[in-house]
Amino acid sequence: MIAYIKKLCLSESGATAVEYGLVLALIAISALVAINGVSEVTIGMWNDVADEVTNVS
């Protein structure tokens, strides 16, 4: 049993999976932040267009 726990603690395959998971989470968070920033600018642009169309009519 002690040998199994020692082997488990020295194993690097689990650490690699955790590292890949953290990198994937960081990429997902970065993508969400970027999309949120672009959406705010786009919504503002379309609101300006709507205001201009309303004022011209």
PDB file of N, CA and C in Angstrom:
ATOM      1  N   MET A   1       0.823  -1.193   0.000  1.00  0.00           N
ATOM      2  CA  MET A   1       0.000   0.000   0.000  1.00  0.00           C
ATOM      3  C   MET A   1       0.869   1.260   0.000  1.00  0.00           C
ATOM      4  N   ILE A   2       1.907   1.276   0.799  1.00  0.00           N
ATOM      5  CA  ILE A   2       2.799   2.437   0.856  1.00  0.00           C
ATOM      6  C   ILE A   2       3.507   2.617  -0.480  1.00  0.00           C
ATOM      7  N   ALA A   3       3.867   1.524  -1.121  1.00  0.00           N
ATOM      8  CA  ALA A   3       4.526   1.613  -2.427  1.00  0.00           C
ATOM      9  C   ALA A   3       3.582   2.212  -3.463  1.00  0.00           C
ATOM     10  N   TYR A   4       2.308   1.855  -3.395  1.00  0.00           N
ATOM     11  CA  TYR A   4       1.311   2.397  -4.329  1.00  0.00           C
ATOM     12  C   TYR A   4       1.142   3.907  -4.129  1.00  0.00           C
ATOM     13  N   ILE A   5       1.079   4.350  -2.892  1.00  0.00           N
ATOM     14  CA  ILE A   5       0.924   5.780  -2.605  1.00  0.00           C
ATOM     15  C   ILE A   5       2.163   6.540  -3.052  1.00  0.00           C
ATOM     16  N   LYS A   6       3.336   5.957  -2.833  1.00  0.00           N
ATOM     17  CA  LYS A   6       4.579   6.595  -3.260  1.00  0.00           C
ATOM     18  C   LYS A   6       4.615   6.699  -4.782  1.00  0.00           C
ATOM     19  N   LYS A   7       4.200   5.626  -5.466  1.00  0.00           N
ATOM     20  CA  LYS A   7       4.159   5.641  -6.930  1.00  0.00           C
ATOM     21  C   LYS A   7       3.156   6.680  -7.428  1.00  0.00           C
ATOM     22  N   LEU A   8       2.025   6.800  -6.763  1.00  0.00           N
ATOM     23  CA  LEU A   8       0.998   7.762  -7.134  1.00  0.00           C
ATOM     24  C   LEU A   8       1.499   9.192  -6.949  1.00  0.00           C
ATOM     25  N   CYS A   9       2.229   9.447  -5.884  1.00  0.00           N
ATOM     26  CA  CYS A   9       2.765  10.788  -5.627  1.00  0.00           C
ATOM     27  C   CYS A   9       3.851  11.166  -6.636  1.00  0.00           C
ATOM     28  N   LEU A  10       4.585  10.197  -7.141  1.00  0.00           N
ATOM     29  CA  LEU A  10       5.661  10.479  -8.086  1.00  0.00           C
ATOM     30  C   LEU A  10       5.176  10.517  -9.532  1.00  0.00           C
ATOM     31  N   SER A  11       3.954  10.082  -9.774  1.00  0.00           N
ATOM     32  CA  SER A  11       3.403  10.058 -11.125  1.00  0.00           C
ATOM     33  C   SER A  11       3.207  11.489 -11.626  1.00  0.00           C
ATOM     34  N   GLU A  12       3.576  11.712 -12.875  1.00  0.00           N
ATOM     35  CA  GLU A  12       3.447  13.038 -13.466  1.00  0.00           C
ATOM     36  C   GLU A  12       2.283  13.130 -14.445  1.00  0.00           C
ATOM     37  N   SER A  13       1.630  12.050 -14.760  1.00  0.00           N
ATOM     38  CA  SER A  13       0.548  12.085 -15.742  1.00  0.00           C
ATOM     39  C   SER A  13      -0.652  12.875 -15.230  1.00  0.00           C
ATOM     40  N   GLY A  14      -0.959  12.772 -13.966  1.00  0.00           N
ATOM     41  CA  GLY A  14      -2.062  13.540 -13.401  1.00  0.00           C
ATOM     42  C   GLY A  14      -1.756  15.024 -13.383  1.00  0.00           C
ATOM     43  N   ALA A  15      -0.514  15.364 -13.088  1.00  0.00           N
ATOM     44  CA  ALA A  15      -0.115  16.773 -13.066  1.00  0.00           C
ATOM     45  C   ALA A  15      -0.232  17.383 -14.454  1.00  0.00           C
ATOM     46  N   THR A  16       0.116  16.626 -15.470  1.00  0.00           N
ATOM     47  CA  THR A  16       0.017  17.123 -16.838  1.00  0.00           C
ATOM     48  C   THR A  16      -1.441  17.387 -17.202  1.00  0.00           C
ATOM     49  N   ALA A  17      -2.324  16.506 -16.806  1.00  0.00           N
ATOM     50  CA  ALA A  17      -3.746  16.692 -17.091  1.00  0.00           C
ATOM     51  C   ALA A  17      -4.280  17.940 -16.385  1.00  0.00           C
ATOM     52  N   VAL A  18      -3.839  18.155 -15.159  1.00  0.00           N
ATOM     53  CA  VAL A  18      -4.263  19.344 -14.419  1.00  0.00           C
ATOM     54  C   VAL A  18      -3.732  20.598 -15.099  1.00  0.00           C
ATOM     55  N   GLU A  19      -2.496  20.569 -15.558  1.00  0.00           N
ATOM     56  CA  GLU A  19      -1.918  21.726 -16.252  1.00  0.00           C
ATOM     57  C   GLU A  19      -2.690  22.037 -17.531  1.00  0.00           C
ATOM     58  N   TYR A  20      -3.014  21.013 -18.296  1.00  0.00           N
ATOM     59  CA  TYR A  20      -3.807  21.232 -19.508  1.00  0.00           C
ATOM     60  C   TYR A  20      -5.187  21.794 -19.165  1.00  0.00           C
ATOM     61  N   GLY A  21      -5.776  21.324 -18.098  1.00  0.00           N
ATOM     62  CA  GLY A  21      -7.071  21.834 -17.666  1.00  0.00           C
ATOM     63  C   GLY A  21      -6.995  23.304 -17.275  1.00  0.00           C
ATOM     64  N   LEU A  22      -5.934  23.688 -16.580  1.00  0.00           N
ATOM     65  CA  LEU A  22      -5.768  25.090 -16.194  1.00  0.00           C
ATOM     66  C   LEU A  22      -5.536  25.979 -17.412  1.00  0.00           C
ATOM     67  N   VAL A  23      -4.747  25.513 -18.365  1.00  0.00           N
ATOM     68  CA  VAL A  23      -4.514  26.284 -19.590  1.00  0.00           C
ATOM     69  C   VAL A  23      -5.822  26.440 -20.355  1.00  0.00           C
ATOM     70  N   LEU A  24      -6.592  25.387 -20.465  1.00  0.00           N
ATOM     71  CA  LEU A  24      -7.874  25.446 -21.155  1.00  0.00           C
ATOM     72  C   LEU A  24      -8.828  26.414 -20.463  1.00  0.00           C
ATOM     73  N   ALA A  25      -8.866  26.394 -19.141  1.00  0.00           N
ATOM     74  CA  ALA A  25      -9.722  27.318 -18.390  1.00  0.00           C
ATOM     75  C   ALA A  25      -9.287  28.765 -18.614  1.00  0.00           C
ATOM     76  N   LEU A  26      -7.982  29.014 -18.638  1.00  0.00           N
ATOM     77  CA  LEU A  26      -7.470  30.361 -18.876  1.00  0.00           C
ATOM     78  C   LEU A  26      -7.840  30.854 -20.273  1.00  0.00           C
ATOM     79  N   ILE A  27      -7.750  29.980 -21.253  1.00  0.00           N
ATOM     80  CA  ILE A  27      -8.127  30.348 -22.626  1.00  0.00           C
ATOM     81  C   ILE A  27      -9.623  30.654 -22.693  1.00  0.00           C
ATOM     82  N   ALA A  28     -10.436  29.848 -22.037  1.00  0.00           N
ATOM     83  CA  ALA A  28     -11.883  30.066 -22.057  1.00  0.00           C
ATOM     84  C   ALA A  28     -12.245  31.389 -21.387  1.00  0.00           C
ATOM     85  N   ILE A  29     -11.627  31.691 -20.263  1.00  0.00           N
ATOM     86  CA  ILE A  29     -11.905  32.949 -19.572  1.00  0.00           C
ATOM     87  C   ILE A  29     -11.467  34.132 -20.430  1.00  0.00           C
ATOM     88  N   SER A  30     -10.303  34.018 -21.058  1.00  0.00           N
ATOM     89  CA  SER A  30      -9.818  35.099 -21.928  1.00  0.00           C
ATOM     90  C   SER A  30     -10.770  35.325 -23.101  1.00  0.00           C
ATOM     91  N   ALA A  31     -11.265  34.254 -23.680  1.00  0.00           N
ATOM     92  CA  ALA A  31     -12.197  34.377 -24.802  1.00  0.00           C
ATOM     93  C   ALA A  31     -13.493  35.053 -24.356  1.00  0.00           C
ATOM     94  N   LEU A  32     -14.005  34.684 -23.195  1.00  0.00           N
ATOM     95  CA  LEU A  32     -15.237  35.304 -22.694  1.00  0.00           C
ATOM     96  C   LEU A  32     -15.046  36.792 -22.424  1.00  0.00           C
ATOM     97  N   VAL A  33     -13.910  37.164 -21.859  1.00  0.00           N
ATOM     98  CA  VAL A  33     -13.637  38.575 -21.590  1.00  0.00           C
ATOM     99  C   VAL A  33     -13.533  39.350 -22.902  1.00  0.00           C
ATOM    100  N   ALA A  34     -12.858  38.782 -23.893  1.00  0.00           N
ATOM    101  CA  ALA A  34     -12.713  39.454 -25.185  1.00  0.00           C
ATOM    102  C   ALA A  34     -14.065  39.605 -25.875  1.00  0.00           C
ATOM    103  N   ILE A  35     -14.871  38.567 -25.854  1.00  0.00           N
ATOM    104  CA  ILE A  35     -16.193  38.633 -26.488  1.00  0.00           C
ATOM    105  C   ILE A  35     -17.071  39.655 -25.777  1.00  0.00           C
ATOM    106  N   ASN A  36     -16.979  39.716 -24.458  1.00  0.00           N
ATOM    107  CA  ASN A  36     -17.763  40.689 -23.707  1.00  0.00           C
ATOM    108  C   ASN A  36     -17.354  42.111 -24.084  1.00  0.00           C
ATOM    109  N   GLY A  37     -16.064  42.375 -24.222  1.00  0.00           N
ATOM    110  CA  GLY A  37     -15.599  43.699 -24.607  1.00  0.00           C
ATOM    111  C   GLY A  37     -16.064  44.088 -26.001  1.00  0.00           C
ATOM    112  N   VAL A  38     -15.991  43.153 -26.926  1.00  0.00           N
ATOM    113  CA  VAL A  38     -16.436  43.420 -28.299  1.00  0.00           C
ATOM    114  C   VAL A  38     -17.943  43.631 -28.341  1.00  0.00           C
ATOM    115  N   SER A  39     -18.684  42.879 -27.551  1.00  0.00           N
ATOM    116  CA  SER A  39     -20.145  43.016 -27.571  1.00  0.00           C
ATOM    117  C   SER A  39     -20.576  44.381 -27.060  1.00  0.00           C
ATOM    118  N   GLU A  40     -19.895  44.906 -26.053  1.00  0.00           N
ATOM    119  CA  GLU A  40     -20.253  46.230 -25.541  1.00  0.00           C
ATOM    120  C   GLU A  40     -20.031  47.304 -26.603  1.00  0.00           C
ATOM    121  N   VAL A  41     -18.925  47.206 -27.324  1.00  0.00           N
ATOM    122  CA  VAL A  41     -18.641  48.173 -28.389  1.00  0.00           C
ATOM    123  C   VAL A  41     -19.666  48.039 -29.515  1.00  0.00           C
ATOM    124  N   THR A  42     -19.992  46.822 -29.876  1.00  0.00           N
ATOM    125  CA  THR A  42     -20.938  46.578 -30.959  1.00  0.00           C
ATOM    126  C   THR A  42     -22.339  47.067 -30.582  1.00  0.00           C
ATOM    127  N   ILE A  43     -22.759  46.801 -29.369  1.00  0.00           N
ATOM    128  CA  ILE A  43     -24.076  47.270 -28.918  1.00  0.00           C
ATOM    129  C   ILE A  43     -24.121  48.796 -28.945  1.00  0.00           C
ATOM    130  N   GLY A  44     -23.047  49.436 -28.502  1.00  0.00           N
ATOM    131  CA  GLY A  44     -22.991  50.892 -28.545  1.00  0.00           C
ATOM    132  C   GLY A  44     -23.071  51.423 -29.962  1.00  0.00           C
ATOM    133  N   MET A  45     -22.381  50.766 -30.882  1.00  0.00           N
ATOM    134  CA  MET A  45     -22.410  51.186 -32.283  1.00  0.00           C
ATOM    135  C   MET A  45     -23.822  51.083 -32.851  1.00  0.00           C
ATOM    136  N   TRP A  46     -24.501  49.960 -32.591  1.00  0.00           N
ATOM    137  CA  TRP A  46     -25.848  49.783 -33.125  1.00  0.00           C
ATOM    138  C   TRP A  46     -26.841  50.735 -32.471  1.00  0.00           C
ATOM    139  N   ASN A  47     -26.623  51.063 -31.214  1.00  0.00           N
ATOM    140  CA  ASN A  47     -27.478  52.062 -30.565  1.00  0.00           C
ATOM    141  C   ASN A  47     -27.290  53.434 -31.214  1.00  0.00           C
ATOM    142  N   ASP A  48     -26.048  53.775 -31.555  1.00  0.00           N
ATOM    143  CA  ASP A  48     -25.795  55.041 -32.260  1.00  0.00           C
ATOM    144  C   ASP A  48     -26.482  55.055 -33.622  1.00  0.00           C
ATOM    145  N   VAL A  49     -26.414  53.933 -34.332  1.00  0.00           N
ATOM    146  CA  VAL A  49     -27.068  53.832 -35.642  1.00  0.00           C
ATOM    147  C   VAL A  49     -28.584  53.985 -35.481  1.00  0.00           C
ATOM    148  N   ALA A  50     -29.158  53.342 -34.490  1.00  0.00           N
ATOM    149  CA  ALA A  50     -30.596  53.436 -34.252  1.00  0.00           C
ATOM    150  C   ALA A  50     -30.996  54.867 -33.916  1.00  0.00           C
ATOM    151  N   ASP A  51     -30.185  55.554 -33.126  1.00  0.00           N
ATOM    152  CA  ASP A  51     -30.474  56.947 -32.784  1.00  0.00           C
ATOM    153  C   ASP A  51     -30.432  57.840 -34.029  1.00  0.00           C
ATOM    154  N   GLU A  52     -29.442  57.622 -34.876  1.00  0.00           N
ATOM    155  CA  GLU A  52     -29.327  58.420 -36.097  1.00  0.00           C
ATOM    156  C   GLU A  52     -30.516  58.187 -37.030  1.00  0.00           C
ATOM    157  N   VAL A  53     -30.936  56.929 -37.156  1.00  0.00           N
ATOM    158  CA  VAL A  53     -32.078  56.613 -38.017  1.00  0.00           C
ATOM    159  C   VAL A  53     -33.343  57.239 -37.448  1.00  0.00           C
ATOM    160  N   THR A  54     -33.498  57.206 -36.152  1.00  0.00           N
ATOM    161  CA  THR A  54     -34.684  57.803 -35.513  1.00  0.00           C
ATOM    162  C   THR A  54     -34.692  59.318 -35.697  1.00  0.00           C
ATOM    163  N   ASN A  55     -33.540  59.962 -35.594  1.00  0.00           N
ATOM    164  CA  ASN A  55     -33.457  61.404 -35.715  1.00  0.00           C
ATOM    165  C   ASN A  55     -33.688  61.873 -37.159  1.00  0.00           C
ATOM    166  N   VAL A  56     -33.315  61.069 -38.146  1.00  0.00           N
ATOM    167  CA  VAL A  56     -33.478  61.430 -39.545  1.00  0.00           C
ATOM    168  C   VAL A  56     -34.941  61.299 -39.965  1.00  0.00           C
ATOM    169  N   SER A  57     -35.615  60.311 -39.442  1.00  0.00           N
ATOM    170  CA  SER A  57     -37.001  60.035 -39.865  1.00  0.00           C
ATOM    171  C   SER A  57     -37.967  61.097 -39.467  1.00  0.00           C
TER     172      SER A  57
END
